[in-house]
Amino acid sequence: TGEGESVGGSSFQEFWTRQGTDGSADVVVAVVDTGLQLEHPDIKDSPNIAPGWDMVSDPRMGNDGDGRDGDPNDPGDLCDPSVPFAEDTFHGTHVAGTIGAAATNNASGVAGGAW
């Protein structure tokens, strides 16, 4: 780090301290994305997960054999059907984890805003 450079991190803790609050359990944030890896160590057993939906409408791109449905588990979105072994993004898991679904700082993955 140096002058004008970030030390990294999202500064949630500093923000909440300045606000004089720890947030509220009454706040609900919806993430409309690729779904969640419900067994991910930062997501599994989190008290911050509400029932959700799979919002990927194309069964092939959703990589789960069906379109939109009430199963939010993300098997990995098929990013590029022309490249069968392309890496999945698991974008919904990353976004939800950053926002606050990951209520842990277990030194693996991300520590969400709710931590």
N, C-alpha and C. Protein backbone atom coordinates (compact mmCIF):
# COMPACT_ATOMS: atom_id res chain seq x y z
N THR A 1 0.84 -1.19 0.00
CA THR A 1 0.00 0.00 0.00
C THR A 1 0.88 1.24 0.00
N GLY A 2 0.32 2.30 -0.44
CA GLY A 2 1.02 3.57 -0.47
C GLY A 2 0.00 4.69 -0.56
N GLU A 3 0.48 5.90 -0.76
CA GLU A 3 -0.43 7.04 -0.82
C GLU A 3 -1.46 6.85 -1.94
N GLY A 4 -2.72 6.99 -1.58
CA GLY A 4 -3.80 6.85 -2.55
C GLY A 4 -4.15 5.43 -2.91
N GLU A 5 -3.53 4.45 -2.27
CA GLU A 5 -3.82 3.05 -2.56
C GLU A 5 -4.64 2.44 -1.44
N SER A 6 -5.50 1.52 -1.81
CA SER A 6 -6.35 0.83 -0.84
C SER A 6 -5.56 -0.25 -0.12
N VAL A 7 -5.87 -0.45 1.14
CA VAL A 7 -5.26 -1.56 1.88
C VAL A 7 -5.99 -2.86 1.60
N GLY A 8 -7.03 -2.79 0.81
CA GLY A 8 -7.80 -3.97 0.46
C GLY A 8 -9.01 -4.13 1.36
N GLY A 9 -9.85 -5.06 1.01
CA GLY A 9 -11.06 -5.30 1.80
C GLY A 9 -12.17 -4.35 1.41
N SER A 10 -13.32 -4.59 1.96
CA SER A 10 -14.50 -3.81 1.58
C SER A 10 -14.82 -2.69 2.56
N SER A 11 -14.17 -2.66 3.69
CA SER A 11 -14.37 -1.61 4.70
C SER A 11 -15.76 -1.63 5.32
N PHE A 12 -16.41 -2.78 5.33
CA PHE A 12 -17.73 -2.87 5.97
C PHE A 12 -17.67 -2.48 7.44
N GLN A 13 -16.65 -3.01 8.12
CA GLN A 13 -16.55 -2.76 9.55
C GLN A 13 -16.43 -1.26 9.82
N GLU A 14 -15.60 -0.57 9.06
CA GLU A 14 -15.45 0.88 9.22
C GLU A 14 -16.77 1.60 8.94
N PHE A 15 -17.47 1.16 7.90
CA PHE A 15 -18.75 1.77 7.55
C PHE A 15 -19.76 1.63 8.69
N TRP A 16 -19.92 0.40 9.22
CA TRP A 16 -20.89 0.18 10.28
C TRP A 16 -20.52 0.95 11.54
N THR A 17 -19.23 1.06 11.81
CA THR A 17 -18.78 1.83 12.97
C THR A 17 -19.17 3.30 12.80
N ARG A 18 -18.95 3.84 11.63
CA ARG A 18 -19.33 5.25 11.38
C ARG A 18 -20.83 5.44 11.49
N GLN A 19 -21.61 4.44 11.10
CA GLN A 19 -23.07 4.55 11.14
C GLN A 19 -23.60 4.41 12.56
N GLY A 20 -22.80 3.84 13.46
CA GLY A 20 -23.24 3.63 14.83
C GLY A 20 -24.28 2.53 14.95
N THR A 21 -24.25 1.55 14.04
CA THR A 21 -25.22 0.46 14.06
C THR A 21 -24.54 -0.82 13.58
N ASP A 22 -25.10 -1.93 13.94
CA ASP A 22 -24.61 -3.21 13.48
C ASP A 22 -25.50 -3.79 12.39
N GLY A 23 -26.41 -3.00 11.87
CA GLY A 23 -27.33 -3.51 10.87
C GLY A 23 -28.59 -4.03 11.51
N SER A 24 -29.40 -4.71 10.73
CA SER A 24 -30.68 -5.20 11.21
C SER A 24 -31.01 -6.54 10.58
N ALA A 25 -31.48 -7.45 11.39
CA ALA A 25 -31.93 -8.75 10.88
C ALA A 25 -33.20 -8.62 10.06
N ASP A 26 -33.84 -7.45 10.12
CA ASP A 26 -35.07 -7.23 9.36
C ASP A 26 -34.80 -6.90 7.89
N VAL A 27 -33.54 -6.64 7.53
CA VAL A 27 -33.20 -6.31 6.15
C VAL A 27 -33.05 -7.60 5.35
N VAL A 28 -33.73 -7.66 4.22
CA VAL A 28 -33.65 -8.81 3.32
C VAL A 28 -33.13 -8.32 1.98
N VAL A 29 -32.13 -8.98 1.47
CA VAL A 29 -31.56 -8.64 0.17
C VAL A 29 -31.75 -9.82 -0.76
N ALA A 30 -32.32 -9.58 -1.92
CA ALA A 30 -32.51 -10.64 -2.91
C ALA A 30 -31.39 -10.55 -3.94
N VAL A 31 -30.83 -11.69 -4.30
CA VAL A 31 -29.83 -11.77 -5.34
C VAL A 31 -30.44 -12.56 -6.50
N VAL A 32 -30.64 -11.90 -7.62
CA VAL A 32 -31.18 -12.57 -8.81
C VAL A 32 -29.98 -12.87 -9.70
N ASP A 33 -29.55 -14.13 -9.67
CA ASP A 33 -28.30 -14.49 -10.33
C ASP A 33 -28.35 -15.97 -10.66
N THR A 34 -27.19 -16.62 -10.71
CA THR A 34 -27.10 -18.01 -11.15
C THR A 34 -27.49 -19.03 -10.10
N GLY A 35 -27.75 -18.62 -8.89
CA GLY A 35 -28.09 -19.54 -7.81
C GLY A 35 -26.95 -19.63 -6.82
N LEU A 36 -27.06 -20.57 -5.89
CA LEU A 36 -26.06 -20.73 -4.83
C LEU A 36 -25.52 -22.15 -4.81
N GLN A 37 -24.25 -22.28 -4.49
CA GLN A 37 -23.70 -23.58 -4.16
C GLN A 37 -24.03 -23.79 -2.69
N LEU A 38 -25.13 -24.46 -2.42
CA LEU A 38 -25.63 -24.57 -1.07
C LEU A 38 -24.70 -25.35 -0.13
N GLU A 39 -23.78 -26.12 -0.67
CA GLU A 39 -22.82 -26.87 0.15
C GLU A 39 -21.48 -26.13 0.27
N HIS A 40 -21.37 -24.95 -0.28
CA HIS A 40 -20.13 -24.16 -0.17
C HIS A 40 -19.85 -23.89 1.31
N PRO A 41 -18.60 -24.02 1.76
CA PRO A 41 -18.31 -23.86 3.19
C PRO A 41 -18.68 -22.49 3.77
N ASP A 42 -18.70 -21.45 2.94
CA ASP A 42 -19.09 -20.12 3.42
C ASP A 42 -20.60 -19.93 3.43
N ILE A 43 -21.33 -20.80 2.76
CA ILE A 43 -22.79 -20.67 2.61
C ILE A 43 -23.54 -21.70 3.47
N LYS A 44 -23.01 -22.93 3.49
CA LYS A 44 -23.67 -24.04 4.20
C LYS A 44 -23.97 -23.66 5.65
N ASP A 45 -25.18 -23.92 6.07
CA ASP A 45 -25.65 -23.66 7.44
C ASP A 45 -25.69 -22.18 7.83
N SER A 46 -25.60 -21.30 6.86
CA SER A 46 -25.67 -19.87 7.17
C SER A 46 -27.09 -19.49 7.56
N PRO A 47 -27.25 -18.72 8.62
CA PRO A 47 -28.59 -18.27 9.02
C PRO A 47 -29.13 -17.18 8.08
N ASN A 48 -28.32 -16.75 7.14
CA ASN A 48 -28.71 -15.63 6.27
C ASN A 48 -29.27 -16.07 4.92
N ILE A 49 -29.61 -17.34 4.78
CA ILE A 49 -30.13 -17.85 3.51
C ILE A 49 -31.64 -18.07 3.63
N ALA A 50 -32.38 -17.48 2.72
CA ALA A 50 -33.83 -17.69 2.65
C ALA A 50 -34.11 -18.61 1.45
N PRO A 51 -35.27 -19.23 1.42
CA PRO A 51 -35.62 -20.05 0.25
C PRO A 51 -35.49 -19.23 -1.04
N GLY A 52 -35.03 -19.86 -2.09
CA GLY A 52 -34.79 -19.12 -3.33
C GLY A 52 -35.23 -19.87 -4.56
N TRP A 53 -34.87 -19.32 -5.70
CA TRP A 53 -35.24 -19.86 -7.01
C TRP A 53 -34.01 -19.92 -7.90
N ASP A 54 -34.04 -20.86 -8.83
CA ASP A 54 -33.07 -20.93 -9.92
C ASP A 54 -33.63 -20.03 -11.01
N MET A 55 -32.93 -18.94 -11.34
CA MET A 55 -33.45 -17.98 -12.31
C MET A 55 -32.85 -18.12 -13.70
N VAL A 56 -32.04 -19.16 -13.94
CA VAL A 56 -31.48 -19.39 -15.28
C VAL A 56 -32.52 -20.14 -16.09
N SER A 57 -33.05 -19.48 -17.12
CA SER A 57 -34.18 -20.06 -17.85
C SER A 57 -33.78 -21.11 -18.89
N ASP A 58 -32.58 -21.07 -19.40
CA ASP A 58 -32.14 -22.01 -20.42
C ASP A 58 -31.58 -23.25 -19.71
N PRO A 59 -32.24 -24.41 -19.85
CA PRO A 59 -31.79 -25.62 -19.15
C PRO A 59 -30.33 -25.99 -19.45
N ARG A 60 -29.90 -25.75 -20.67
CA ARG A 60 -28.52 -26.10 -21.04
C ARG A 60 -27.52 -25.16 -20.34
N MET A 61 -27.82 -23.88 -20.33
CA MET A 61 -26.93 -22.92 -19.69
C MET A 61 -26.95 -23.08 -18.17
N GLY A 62 -28.13 -23.42 -17.61
CA GLY A 62 -28.26 -23.63 -16.18
C GLY A 62 -27.55 -24.87 -15.70
N ASN A 63 -27.31 -25.79 -16.64
CA ASN A 63 -26.54 -27.00 -16.37
C ASN A 63 -27.21 -27.92 -15.35
N ASP A 64 -28.55 -27.78 -15.23
CA ASP A 64 -29.25 -28.63 -14.26
C ASP A 64 -30.42 -29.39 -14.88
N GLY A 65 -30.56 -29.31 -16.21
CA GLY A 65 -31.57 -30.10 -16.89
C GLY A 65 -32.95 -29.50 -16.93
N ASP A 66 -33.14 -28.35 -16.30
CA ASP A 66 -34.44 -27.70 -16.38
C ASP A 66 -34.24 -26.18 -16.40
N GLY A 67 -35.30 -25.46 -16.52
CA GLY A 67 -35.22 -24.01 -16.54
C GLY A 67 -35.44 -23.44 -15.15
N ARG A 68 -36.14 -22.34 -15.09
CA ARG A 68 -36.42 -21.71 -13.80
C ARG A 68 -37.24 -22.66 -12.93
N ASP A 69 -36.83 -22.75 -11.66
CA ASP A 69 -37.54 -23.62 -10.74
C ASP A 69 -37.24 -23.22 -9.30
N GLY A 70 -37.88 -23.89 -8.37
CA GLY A 70 -37.74 -23.58 -6.95
C GLY A 70 -36.53 -24.18 -6.28
N ASP A 71 -35.57 -24.67 -7.05
CA ASP A 71 -34.34 -25.24 -6.49
C ASP A 71 -33.19 -24.27 -6.77
N PRO A 72 -32.77 -23.48 -5.75
CA PRO A 72 -31.75 -22.47 -5.99
C PRO A 72 -30.32 -23.03 -6.05
N ASN A 73 -30.14 -24.34 -5.82
CA ASN A 73 -28.79 -24.89 -5.85
C ASN A 73 -28.19 -24.75 -7.24
N ASP A 74 -26.97 -24.25 -7.31
CA ASP A 74 -26.30 -23.97 -8.57
C ASP A 74 -25.26 -25.04 -8.86
N PRO A 75 -25.52 -25.92 -9.85
CA PRO A 75 -24.54 -26.95 -10.18
C PRO A 75 -23.37 -26.39 -10.99
N GLY A 76 -23.42 -25.12 -11.30
CA GLY A 76 -22.39 -24.50 -12.14
C GLY A 76 -22.99 -24.14 -13.48
N ASP A 77 -23.04 -22.85 -13.76
CA ASP A 77 -23.62 -22.40 -15.03
C ASP A 77 -22.66 -22.75 -16.17
N LEU A 78 -23.23 -23.20 -17.26
CA LEU A 78 -22.44 -23.55 -18.43
C LEU A 78 -22.16 -22.26 -19.18
N CYS A 79 -21.02 -21.65 -18.92
CA CYS A 79 -20.70 -20.33 -19.45
C CYS A 79 -20.66 -20.27 -20.96
N ASP A 80 -20.09 -21.27 -21.58
CA ASP A 80 -19.96 -21.27 -23.03
C ASP A 80 -20.24 -22.68 -23.53
N PRO A 81 -21.46 -22.91 -24.04
CA PRO A 81 -21.82 -24.27 -24.48
C PRO A 81 -20.90 -24.83 -25.56
N SER A 82 -20.20 -23.95 -26.30
CA SER A 82 -19.30 -24.45 -27.34
C SER A 82 -17.97 -24.95 -26.76
N VAL A 83 -17.75 -24.67 -25.47
CA VAL A 83 -16.53 -25.13 -24.79
C VAL A 83 -16.98 -25.96 -23.59
N PRO A 84 -17.21 -27.27 -23.78
CA PRO A 84 -17.80 -28.10 -22.73
C PRO A 84 -17.04 -28.10 -21.39
N PHE A 85 -15.74 -27.88 -21.42
CA PHE A 85 -14.97 -27.94 -20.17
C PHE A 85 -14.60 -26.55 -19.66
N ALA A 86 -15.32 -25.52 -20.14
CA ALA A 86 -15.06 -24.15 -19.65
C ALA A 86 -15.42 -24.08 -18.16
N GLU A 87 -14.70 -23.26 -17.42
CA GLU A 87 -14.96 -23.14 -15.99
C GLU A 87 -16.31 -22.49 -15.74
N ASP A 88 -16.99 -22.94 -14.69
CA ASP A 88 -18.25 -22.33 -14.28
C ASP A 88 -17.94 -21.08 -13.47
N THR A 89 -18.87 -20.14 -13.48
CA THR A 89 -18.62 -18.90 -12.75
C THR A 89 -19.06 -18.97 -11.30
N PHE A 90 -20.13 -19.71 -11.01
CA PHE A 90 -20.72 -19.72 -9.67
C PHE A 90 -20.90 -18.27 -9.19
N HIS A 91 -21.28 -17.42 -10.13
CA HIS A 91 -21.38 -15.99 -9.87
C HIS A 91 -22.37 -15.66 -8.77
N GLY A 92 -23.51 -16.34 -8.74
CA GLY A 92 -24.51 -16.09 -7.71
C GLY A 92 -23.98 -16.37 -6.31
N THR A 93 -23.18 -17.43 -6.18
CA THR A 93 -22.58 -17.76 -4.88
C THR A 93 -21.62 -16.66 -4.45
N HIS A 94 -20.82 -16.18 -5.37
CA HIS A 94 -19.87 -15.12 -5.04
C HIS A 94 -20.59 -13.83 -4.63
N VAL A 95 -21.59 -13.43 -5.42
CA VAL A 95 -22.31 -12.19 -5.12
C VAL A 95 -23.06 -12.30 -3.79
N ALA A 96 -23.80 -13.39 -3.59
CA ALA A 96 -24.55 -13.56 -2.34
C ALA A 96 -23.61 -13.63 -1.14
N GLY A 97 -22.46 -14.29 -1.31
CA GLY A 97 -21.50 -14.38 -0.23
C GLY A 97 -20.93 -13.03 0.15
N THR A 98 -20.65 -12.21 -0.85
CA THR A 98 -20.12 -10.87 -0.59
C THR A 98 -21.15 -9.99 0.10
N ILE A 99 -22.39 -10.08 -0.33
CA ILE A 99 -23.44 -9.25 0.25
C ILE A 99 -23.71 -9.62 1.70
N GLY A 100 -23.68 -10.90 2.00
CA GLY A 100 -23.92 -11.26 3.40
C GLY A 100 -24.41 -12.66 3.66
N ALA A 101 -24.53 -13.48 2.61
CA ALA A 101 -24.95 -14.86 2.86
C ALA A 101 -23.86 -15.61 3.63
N ALA A 102 -22.61 -15.25 3.37
CA ALA A 102 -21.50 -15.86 4.10
C ALA A 102 -21.31 -15.09 5.40
N ALA A 103 -21.78 -15.66 6.48
CA ALA A 103 -21.73 -14.98 7.78
C ALA A 103 -20.56 -15.49 8.61
N THR A 104 -19.44 -15.72 7.94
CA THR A 104 -18.27 -16.28 8.62
C THR A 104 -17.01 -15.67 8.05
N ASN A 105 -15.98 -15.66 8.83
CA ASN A 105 -14.65 -15.33 8.34
C ASN A 105 -13.77 -16.52 8.67
N ASN A 106 -13.93 -17.58 7.88
CA ASN A 106 -13.23 -18.82 8.15
C ASN A 106 -11.91 -18.94 7.38
N ALA A 107 -11.45 -17.82 6.83
CA ALA A 107 -10.19 -17.77 6.06
C ALA A 107 -10.26 -18.58 4.78
N SER A 108 -11.47 -18.87 4.30
CA SER A 108 -11.67 -19.58 3.05
C SER A 108 -12.71 -18.83 2.25
N GLY A 109 -12.39 -18.51 1.03
CA GLY A 109 -13.36 -17.78 0.20
C GLY A 109 -13.47 -16.33 0.65
N VAL A 110 -14.70 -15.86 0.83
CA VAL A 110 -14.92 -14.47 1.21
C VAL A 110 -15.53 -14.39 2.60
N ALA A 111 -15.35 -13.25 3.22
CA ALA A 111 -16.07 -12.95 4.46
C ALA A 111 -17.13 -11.93 4.06
N GLY A 112 -18.38 -12.32 4.11
CA GLY A 112 -19.45 -11.46 3.64
C GLY A 112 -19.68 -10.25 4.52
N GLY A 113 -20.46 -9.33 4.00
CA GLY A 113 -20.78 -8.11 4.72
C GLY A 113 -21.47 -8.33 6.03
N ALA A 114 -22.11 -9.47 6.21
CA ALA A 114 -22.80 -9.75 7.47
C ALA A 114 -21.86 -10.23 8.56
N TRP A 115 -20.61 -10.55 8.19
CA TRP A 115 -19.65 -11.02 9.18
C TRP A 115 -19.27 -9.84 10.00
